[in-house]
Structures are given as C-alpha cells and as structure tokens.
C-alpha cells in the first residue's frame, strides 16, 4: 500500500509517543504527555519547605545552583505541567494534585557545574519522574555506588526536546533498568532540568499507563491502514 506523507508522519509520531525507547544498554524508557507512574511503587512529591525524604531515600543533595523552587523564573526555571493522571497520589497525605501548571515545589538543577543527587537505601530497577520543559541538554545518570549504570538525555525522552514550557513540553517518564541502581544525578549544561513527582521501585514495572487520547490516535491510524489495505485489495 502506498502511504501518504501525512499518514507516514502520523504513524511516526505515534510510534515515538507510545513505544519504549532504549536509551542505554541497561535502560528502557516510556514517556508521554499525561502519562503516569507504574503501580505498586513509592511516590515522592518533593514538597517542603524542608523536604521530607521518602521511605527508601537516604539522602538528597543540591550542588551549585540546584535548588527546590515553586513557580517560574525567566531564564532560570519553569514549572512543569500536570496532566492526565500525573498528580494522582502526589498530593498531601496521598491525595491527588490538580491538572495544570505545577503549583507545588519541584527541583531544578541550574546549569553547568550544578546538579541534584539522590541516594537510595535499597537497590532499584525502576524510576518515574515528571520531567518539565524537556531539553536536549538535560541528563539523568544512574549509578550503583560509584559505577555508572547508564544515562539518558532529553533527546532520548522525546524527539521534541525543545524546552517547551507549555503542557506538551512536560512528560511523565518511566524508566526500567536491567541493572540495579541506588544513586541518581540530575544535571544540565544549560538552564535547566526541572522535575517533580518521583516514583521508584525495586523491580521493573510491567505496564506503563498511556493517555487514552494517545491510544485513540493510534487506533485511528490503524483503522486508516485497514482501509488502505482494503482499497489495494480491490
């Protein structure tokens, strides 16, 4: 079947939005606008003023200009967006956060020479995070003690890593690792890497929620493909 350029572009978009992307030999990513963390994991909303460490977290460190912030500051950091079920279970006492601009506290790395480091008391194989205004120069590195397990950049999270500060620039990112890790380093070579609503677990998750709208788009394209095949058959 001969496909039109429009249909091919739409198919590519769905594949990139829904499919797992291998960022490193040990890491596999599924990210989407409006996505959510897997089930049976520990959730940590990073709220303060003095951030309480979640069970299983042994330390949180800010290096250089990295800090916990709220709101946005032009040229320095921009609040992520909550959509779909991003905020489920991340509110006070396990309540739900409302969709829209993130009005709660989140973390930002600053630029070169600054980073956020999180150390866990147990070995993990799953991490989820609300990654705001994804940029190509954002980097998340996984360590097992002093051993680098792997890393991912914003361009591996989404092909549209343009720093979009609107709804479509924030993605919930689910990462499974075949190797265990107990330390994370969030860094960025320019301002900034903003993130909130961490989720983590000792085992890889087996299913990642995908927004209903994305599935509907995928189903619609499959339907168009079916129509095209029938036309060719005639």
C-alpha atoms as a PDB file:
ATOM      1  CA  UNK A   1       0.000   0.000   0.000  1.00  0.00           C
ATOM      2  CA  UNK A   2       1.252   3.458  -0.861  1.00  0.00           C
ATOM      3  CA  UNK A   3       1.009   5.727   2.192  1.00  0.00           C
ATOM      4  CA  UNK A   4       0.643   9.469   2.029  1.00  0.00           C
ATOM      5  CA  UNK A   5       3.278  11.660   3.642  1.00  0.00           C
ATOM      6  CA  UNK A   6       0.701  12.820   6.221  1.00  0.00           C
ATOM      7  CA  UNK A   7      -0.132   9.279   7.249  1.00  0.00           C
ATOM      8  CA  UNK A   8       3.521   8.302   7.477  1.00  0.00           C
ATOM      9  CA  UNK A   9       4.264  11.302   9.666  1.00  0.00           C
ATOM     10  CA  UNK A  10       1.353  10.459  11.960  1.00  0.00           C
ATOM     11  CA  UNK A  11       2.487   6.851  12.256  1.00  0.00           C
ATOM     12  CA  UNK A  12       5.978   8.003  13.191  1.00  0.00           C
ATOM     13  CA  UNK A  13       4.578  10.345  15.832  1.00  0.00           C
ATOM     14  CA  UNK A  14       2.522   7.580  17.445  1.00  0.00           C
ATOM     15  CA  UNK A  15       5.483   5.202  17.434  1.00  0.00           C
ATOM     16  CA  UNK A  16       7.669   7.754  19.152  1.00  0.00           C
ATOM     17  CA  UNK A  17       4.968   8.668  21.669  1.00  0.00           C
ATOM     18  CA  UNK A  18       3.919   5.156  22.658  1.00  0.00           C
ATOM     19  CA  UNK A  19       6.902   2.932  22.120  1.00  0.00           C
ATOM     20  CA  UNK A  20       9.688   2.176  24.568  1.00  0.00           C
ATOM     21  CA  UNK A  21      12.960   3.832  23.646  1.00  0.00           C
ATOM     22  CA  UNK A  22      16.243   2.207  24.542  1.00  0.00           C
ATOM     23  CA  UNK A  23      18.495   4.973  25.809  1.00  0.00           C
ATOM     24  CA  UNK A  24      21.322   2.808  27.098  1.00  0.00           C
ATOM     25  CA  UNK A  25      22.055  -0.918  27.079  1.00  0.00           C
ATOM     26  CA  UNK A  26      20.621  -1.153  30.602  1.00  0.00           C
ATOM     27  CA  UNK A  27      17.799   1.404  30.397  1.00  0.00           C
ATOM     28  CA  UNK A  28      14.414   1.374  28.664  1.00  0.00           C
ATOM     29  CA  UNK A  29      12.124   4.421  28.572  1.00  0.00           C
ATOM     30  CA  UNK A  30       8.432   5.004  28.043  1.00  0.00           C
ATOM     31  CA  UNK A  31       7.401   8.661  28.180  1.00  0.00           C
ATOM     32  CA  UNK A  32       4.235  10.527  27.289  1.00  0.00           C
ATOM     33  CA  UNK A  33       2.354  13.755  27.902  1.00  0.00           C
ATOM     34  CA  UNK A  34      -0.224  12.898  30.553  1.00  0.00           C
ATOM     35  CA  UNK A  35       1.393   9.570  31.408  1.00  0.00           C
ATOM     36  CA  UNK A  36       1.729   8.290  34.969  1.00  0.00           C
ATOM     37  CA  UNK A  37       3.971   6.092  37.111  1.00  0.00           C
ATOM     38  CA  UNK A  38       3.555   2.342  37.322  1.00  0.00           C
ATOM     39  CA  UNK A  39       1.559   0.616  40.059  1.00  0.00           C
ATOM     40  CA  UNK A  40       2.983  -0.631  43.355  1.00  0.00           C
ATOM     41  CA  UNK A  41       5.768   1.947  43.582  1.00  0.00           C
ATOM     42  CA  UNK A  42       6.830   4.514  46.184  1.00  0.00           C
ATOM     43  CA  UNK A  43       5.739   8.074  45.342  1.00  0.00           C
ATOM     44  CA  UNK A  44       7.641  11.180  46.481  1.00  0.00           C
ATOM     45  CA  UNK A  45       6.255  14.647  45.786  1.00  0.00           C
ATOM     46  CA  UNK A  46       9.410  16.572  46.825  1.00  0.00           C
ATOM     47  CA  UNK A  47       7.327  19.134  48.714  1.00  0.00           C
ATOM     48  CA  UNK A  48       8.804  21.210  51.528  1.00  0.00           C
ATOM     49  CA  UNK A  49       9.905  23.747  52.827  1.00  0.00           C
ATOM     50  CA  UNK A  50      12.181  21.174  54.421  1.00  0.00           C
ATOM     51  CA  UNK A  51      11.860  18.206  52.089  1.00  0.00           C
ATOM     52  CA  UNK A  52      10.994  15.036  53.970  1.00  0.00           C
ATOM     53  CA  UNK A  53      12.823  12.057  52.497  1.00  0.00           C
ATOM     54  CA  UNK A  54      10.522   9.318  51.244  1.00  0.00           C
ATOM     55  CA  UNK A  55      10.899   5.791  52.634  1.00  0.00           C
ATOM     56  CA  UNK A  56      13.863   4.202  50.858  1.00  0.00           C
ATOM     57  CA  UNK A  57      15.626   7.525  50.200  1.00  0.00           C
ATOM     58  CA  UNK A  58      18.775   8.064  52.258  1.00  0.00           C
ATOM     59  CA  UNK A  59      19.893  11.495  51.010  1.00  0.00           C
ATOM     60  CA  UNK A  60      19.076  14.445  48.771  1.00  0.00           C
ATOM     61  CA  UNK A  61      21.839  16.915  47.862  1.00  0.00           C
ATOM     62  CA  UNK A  62      21.904  20.179  45.916  1.00  0.00           C
ATOM     63  CA  UNK A  63      25.205  21.048  44.222  1.00  0.00           C
ATOM     64  CA  UNK A  64      25.887  24.587  42.987  1.00  0.00           C
ATOM     65  CA  UNK A  65      22.781  26.457  41.828  1.00  0.00           C
ATOM     66  CA  UNK A  66      20.496  23.418  42.083  1.00  0.00           C
ATOM     67  CA  UNK A  67      17.550  24.060  44.370  1.00  0.00           C
ATOM     68  CA  UNK A  68      13.936  23.401  45.324  1.00  0.00           C
ATOM     69  CA  UNK A  69      11.604  26.055  43.870  1.00  0.00           C
ATOM     70  CA  UNK A  70       7.998  26.948  43.145  1.00  0.00           C
ATOM     71  CA  UNK A  71       6.633  28.929  40.227  1.00  0.00           C
ATOM     72  CA  UNK A  72       8.844  30.063  37.346  1.00  0.00           C
ATOM     73  CA  UNK A  73      11.736  32.475  36.903  1.00  0.00           C
ATOM     74  CA  UNK A  74      12.527  33.713  33.395  1.00  0.00           C
ATOM     75  CA  UNK A  75      15.741  32.252  32.029  1.00  0.00           C
ATOM     76  CA  UNK A  76      16.316  30.087  35.103  1.00  0.00           C
ATOM     77  CA  UNK A  77      13.490  27.577  35.567  1.00  0.00           C
ATOM     78  CA  UNK A  78       9.885  26.899  34.551  1.00  0.00           C
ATOM     79  CA  UNK A  79       7.237  24.946  36.428  1.00  0.00           C
ATOM     80  CA  UNK A  80       6.267  21.584  34.901  1.00  0.00           C
ATOM     81  CA  UNK A  81       2.683  20.855  33.834  1.00  0.00           C
ATOM     82  CA  UNK A  82       0.402  18.268  35.411  1.00  0.00           C
ATOM     83  CA  UNK A  83      -1.967  16.472  33.040  1.00  0.00           C
ATOM     84  CA  UNK A  84      -3.742  13.158  32.688  1.00  0.00           C
ATOM     85  CA  UNK A  85      -3.039  11.334  35.937  1.00  0.00           C
ATOM     86  CA  UNK A  86       0.376  12.881  36.685  1.00  0.00           C
ATOM     87  CA  UNK A  87      -0.803  14.134  40.067  1.00  0.00           C
ATOM     88  CA  UNK A  88      -2.599  11.029  41.327  1.00  0.00           C
ATOM     89  CA  UNK A  89      -1.367  10.198  44.829  1.00  0.00           C
ATOM     90  CA  UNK A  90       1.204  13.005  44.913  1.00  0.00           C
ATOM     91  CA  UNK A  91      -0.817  15.487  46.960  1.00  0.00           C
ATOM     92  CA  UNK A  92      -0.737  15.897  50.762  1.00  0.00           C
ATOM     93  CA  UNK A  93      -1.449  12.611  52.511  1.00  0.00           C
ATOM     94  CA  UNK A  94      -1.610  10.754  49.198  1.00  0.00           C
ATOM     95  CA  UNK A  95      -4.337  12.955  47.731  1.00  0.00           C
ATOM     96  CA  UNK A  96      -4.418  13.993  44.083  1.00  0.00           C
ATOM     97  CA  UNK A  97      -2.896  17.120  42.567  1.00  0.00           C
ATOM     98  CA  UNK A  98      -4.929  19.141  40.093  1.00  0.00           C
ATOM     99  CA  UNK A  99      -4.071  19.322  36.391  1.00  0.00           C
ATOM    100  CA  UNK A 100      -2.420  22.492  35.125  1.00  0.00           C
ATOM    101  CA  UNK A 101       0.789  24.341  35.922  1.00  0.00           C
ATOM    102  CA  UNK A 102       2.573  22.666  38.843  1.00  0.00           C
ATOM    103  CA  UNK A 103       1.963  24.980  41.804  1.00  0.00           C
ATOM    104  CA  UNK A 104       3.806  22.731  44.250  1.00  0.00           C
ATOM    105  CA  UNK A 105       7.522  22.591  44.968  1.00  0.00           C
ATOM    106  CA  UNK A 106       9.794  20.918  42.405  1.00  0.00           C
ATOM    107  CA  UNK A 107      13.552  20.606  41.866  1.00  0.00           C
ATOM    108  CA  UNK A 108      15.751  22.357  39.311  1.00  0.00           C
ATOM    109  CA  UNK A 109      19.391  21.658  38.523  1.00  0.00           C
ATOM    110  CA  UNK A 110      20.642  25.035  37.444  1.00  0.00           C
ATOM    111  CA  UNK A 111      23.301  24.949  34.700  1.00  0.00           C
ATOM    112  CA  UNK A 112      26.851  23.597  34.228  1.00  0.00           C
ATOM    113  CA  UNK A 113      28.564  22.700  37.491  1.00  0.00           C
ATOM    114  CA  UNK A 114      25.292  22.198  39.355  1.00  0.00           C
ATOM    115  CA  UNK A 115      23.230  19.077  39.923  1.00  0.00           C
ATOM    116  CA  UNK A 116      20.762  17.279  42.135  1.00  0.00           C
ATOM    117  CA  UNK A 117      21.907  13.976  43.660  1.00  0.00           C
ATOM    118  CA  UNK A 118      19.585  11.435  45.259  1.00  0.00           C
ATOM    119  CA  UNK A 119      20.809   8.317  47.055  1.00  0.00           C
ATOM    120  CA  UNK A 120      18.584   5.371  47.942  1.00  0.00           C
ATOM    121  CA  UNK A 121      18.959   2.904  50.792  1.00  0.00           C
ATOM    122  CA  UNK A 122      17.908  -0.033  48.612  1.00  0.00           C
ATOM    123  CA  UNK A 123      18.820  -1.172  45.089  1.00  0.00           C
ATOM    124  CA  UNK A 124      16.230  -0.156  42.494  1.00  0.00           C
ATOM    125  CA  UNK A 125      15.294  -1.089  38.943  1.00  0.00           C
ATOM    126  CA  UNK A 126      12.507   1.416  38.261  1.00  0.00           C
ATOM    127  CA  UNK A 127      12.265   5.206  38.284  1.00  0.00           C
ATOM    128  CA  UNK A 128       9.461   7.538  37.218  1.00  0.00           C
ATOM    129  CA  UNK A 129       9.527  11.336  37.107  1.00  0.00           C
ATOM    130  CA  UNK A 130       7.533  14.312  35.886  1.00  0.00           C
ATOM    131  CA  UNK A 131      10.112  15.912  33.565  1.00  0.00           C
ATOM    132  CA  UNK A 132       9.299  19.549  32.809  1.00  0.00           C
ATOM    133  CA  UNK A 133      10.143  21.528  29.643  1.00  0.00           C
ATOM    134  CA  UNK A 134      12.370  18.725  28.343  1.00  0.00           C
ATOM    135  CA  UNK A 135      15.617  19.940  26.748  1.00  0.00           C
ATOM    136  CA  UNK A 136      18.241  18.017  24.783  1.00  0.00           C
ATOM    137  CA  UNK A 137      20.920  19.134  27.261  1.00  0.00           C
ATOM    138  CA  UNK A 138      19.193  17.637  30.338  1.00  0.00           C
ATOM    139  CA  UNK A 139      20.914  14.471  31.572  1.00  0.00           C
ATOM    140  CA  UNK A 140      19.876  11.866  34.143  1.00  0.00           C
ATOM    141  CA  UNK A 141      22.632   9.435  35.187  1.00  0.00           C
ATOM    142  CA  UNK A 142      22.140   6.191  37.141  1.00  0.00           C
ATOM    143  CA  UNK A 143      24.776   4.779  39.489  1.00  0.00           C
ATOM    144  CA  UNK A 144      25.241   1.630  41.513  1.00  0.00           C
ATOM    145  CA  UNK A 145      27.543   3.009  44.176  1.00  0.00           C
ATOM    146  CA  UNK A 146      30.395   4.514  42.148  1.00  0.00           C
ATOM    147  CA  UNK A 147      29.583   2.527  38.988  1.00  0.00           C
ATOM    148  CA  UNK A 148      27.810   4.316  36.148  1.00  0.00           C
ATOM    149  CA  UNK A 149      24.861   2.097  35.164  1.00  0.00           C
ATOM    150  CA  UNK A 150      23.688   4.300  32.304  1.00  0.00           C
ATOM    151  CA  UNK A 151      22.302   7.707  31.415  1.00  0.00           C
ATOM    152  CA  UNK A 152      19.578   9.335  29.346  1.00  0.00           C
ATOM    153  CA  UNK A 153      19.209  12.803  27.860  1.00  0.00           C
ATOM    154  CA  UNK A 154      16.173  14.867  26.977  1.00  0.00           C
ATOM    155  CA  UNK A 155      16.517  13.960  23.298  1.00  0.00           C
ATOM    156  CA  UNK A 156      16.097  10.293  24.226  1.00  0.00           C
ATOM    157  CA  UNK A 157      12.951  11.062  26.206  1.00  0.00           C
ATOM    158  CA  UNK A 158      11.213  12.822  23.310  1.00  0.00           C
ATOM    159  CA  UNK A 159      12.202  13.905  19.791  1.00  0.00           C
ATOM    160  CA  UNK A 160      10.512  17.220  20.637  1.00  0.00           C
ATOM    161  CA  UNK A 161      13.000  18.169  23.376  1.00  0.00           C
ATOM    162  CA  UNK A 162      12.790  21.877  22.630  1.00  0.00           C
ATOM    163  CA  UNK A 163      12.279  23.259  26.123  1.00  0.00           C
ATOM    164  CA  UNK A 164       8.551  23.824  25.528  1.00  0.00           C
ATOM    165  CA  UNK A 165       7.270  25.317  28.793  1.00  0.00           C
ATOM    166  CA  UNK A 166       3.646  24.526  27.984  1.00  0.00           C
ATOM    167  CA  UNK A 167       1.571  21.403  28.504  1.00  0.00           C
ATOM    168  CA  UNK A 168       3.192  19.425  25.677  1.00  0.00           C
ATOM    169  CA  UNK A 169       6.716  20.118  26.947  1.00  0.00           C
ATOM    170  CA  UNK A 170       6.236  18.083  30.146  1.00  0.00           C
ATOM    171  CA  UNK A 171       6.269  14.296  30.030  1.00  0.00           C
ATOM    172  CA  UNK A 172       5.929  11.606  32.658  1.00  0.00           C
ATOM    173  CA  UNK A 173       8.932   9.370  32.081  1.00  0.00           C
ATOM    174  CA  UNK A 174       9.052   5.727  33.201  1.00  0.00           C
ATOM    175  CA  UNK A 175      12.467   4.058  33.182  1.00  0.00           C
ATOM    176  CA  UNK A 176      13.223   0.377  33.743  1.00  0.00           C
ATOM    177  CA  UNK A 177      16.804  -0.738  34.301  1.00  0.00           C
ATOM    178  CA  UNK A 178      18.161  -4.245  33.779  1.00  0.00           C
ATOM    179  CA  UNK A 179      20.944  -3.282  36.199  1.00  0.00           C
ATOM    180  CA  UNK A 180      20.276  -2.202  39.768  1.00  0.00           C
ATOM    181  CA  UNK A 181      20.988   1.377  40.842  1.00  0.00           C
ATOM    182  CA  UNK A 182      20.981   3.282  44.126  1.00  0.00           C
ATOM    183  CA  UNK A 183      22.018   6.802  43.154  1.00  0.00           C
ATOM    184  CA  UNK A 184      20.773   9.381  40.656  1.00  0.00           C
ATOM    185  CA  UNK A 185      22.447  12.528  39.345  1.00  0.00           C
ATOM    186  CA  UNK A 186      20.309  15.133  37.556  1.00  0.00           C
ATOM    187  CA  UNK A 187      22.349  17.657  35.571  1.00  0.00           C
ATOM    188  CA  UNK A 188      22.091  20.111  32.689  1.00  0.00           C
ATOM    189  CA  UNK A 189      24.639  22.009  30.614  1.00  0.00           C
ATOM    190  CA  UNK A 190      22.234  24.968  30.357  1.00  0.00           C
ATOM    191  CA  UNK A 191      19.337  26.232  32.472  1.00  0.00           C
ATOM    192  CA  UNK A 192      17.669  23.917  33.470  1.00  0.00           C
ATOM    193  CA  UNK A 193      16.453  20.394  34.265  1.00  0.00           C
ATOM    194  CA  UNK A 194      13.162  20.683  36.182  1.00  0.00           C
ATOM    195  CA  UNK A 195      11.402  17.660  37.672  1.00  0.00           C
ATOM    196  CA  UNK A 196       8.806  16.642  40.233  1.00  0.00           C
ATOM    197  CA  UNK A 197       6.727  13.677  41.437  1.00  0.00           C
ATOM    198  CA  UNK A 198       9.299  10.911  41.604  1.00  0.00           C
ATOM    199  CA  UNK A 199       8.275   7.255  41.759  1.00  0.00           C
ATOM    200  CA  UNK A 200      10.629   4.341  42.346  1.00  0.00           C
ATOM    201  CA  UNK A 201      10.651   0.606  42.925  1.00  0.00           C
ATOM    202  CA  UNK A 202      12.939  -2.359  43.458  1.00  0.00           C
ATOM    203  CA  UNK A 203      11.598  -4.209  40.403  1.00  0.00           C
ATOM    204  CA  UNK A 204      10.905  -3.103  36.816  1.00  0.00           C
ATOM    205  CA  UNK A 205       7.280  -2.235  36.191  1.00  0.00           C
ATOM    206  CA  UNK A 206       5.433  -4.436  33.724  1.00  0.00           C
ATOM    207  CA  UNK A 207       2.935  -1.894  32.398  1.00  0.00           C
ATOM    208  CA  UNK A 208       3.028   1.854  31.877  1.00  0.00           C
ATOM    209  CA  UNK A 209      -0.239   3.829  31.662  1.00  0.00           C
ATOM    210  CA  UNK A 210      -0.625   5.662  28.338  1.00  0.00           C
ATOM    211  CA  UNK A 211      -3.127   8.532  27.907  1.00  0.00           C
ATOM    212  CA  UNK A 212      -6.435   7.446  26.380  1.00  0.00           C
ATOM    213  CA  UNK A 213      -6.155  10.161  23.720  1.00  0.00           C
ATOM    214  CA  UNK A 214      -2.861   8.676  22.508  1.00  0.00           C
ATOM    215  CA  UNK A 215      -4.385   5.214  22.234  1.00  0.00           C
ATOM    216  CA  UNK A 216      -7.319   6.676  20.325  1.00  0.00           C
ATOM    217  CA  UNK A 217      -4.906   8.330  17.900  1.00  0.00           C
ATOM    218  CA  UNK A 218      -3.087   5.044  17.432  1.00  0.00           C
ATOM    219  CA  UNK A 219      -6.353   3.166  16.887  1.00  0.00           C
ATOM    220  CA  UNK A 220      -7.472   5.738  14.331  1.00  0.00           C
ATOM    221  CA  UNK A 221      -4.272   5.289  12.336  1.00  0.00           C
ATOM    222  CA  UNK A 222      -4.656   1.523  12.426  1.00  0.00           C
ATOM    223  CA  UNK A 223      -8.150   1.987  11.052  1.00  0.00           C
ATOM    224  CA  UNK A 224      -6.810   4.122   8.221  1.00  0.00           C
ATOM    225  CA  UNK A 225      -4.249   1.442   7.437  1.00  0.00           C
ATOM    226  CA  UNK A 226      -7.028  -1.140   7.290  1.00  0.00           C
ATOM    227  CA  UNK A 227      -8.989   0.999   4.856  1.00  0.00           C
ATOM    228  CA  UNK A 228      -5.887   1.407   2.707  1.00  0.00           C
ATOM    229  CA  UNK A 229      -5.344  -2.362   2.596  1.00  0.00           C
ATOM    230  CA  UNK A 230      -8.934  -2.971   1.528  1.00  0.00           C
ATOM    231  CA  UNK A 231      -8.573  -0.423  -1.248  1.00  0.00           C
ATOM    232  CA  UNK A 232      -5.416  -2.103  -2.504  1.00  0.00           C
ATOM    233  CA  UNK A 233      -7.154  -5.489  -2.432  1.00  0.00           C
ATOM    234  CA  UNK A 234      -9.816  -4.192  -4.818  1.00  0.00           C
END
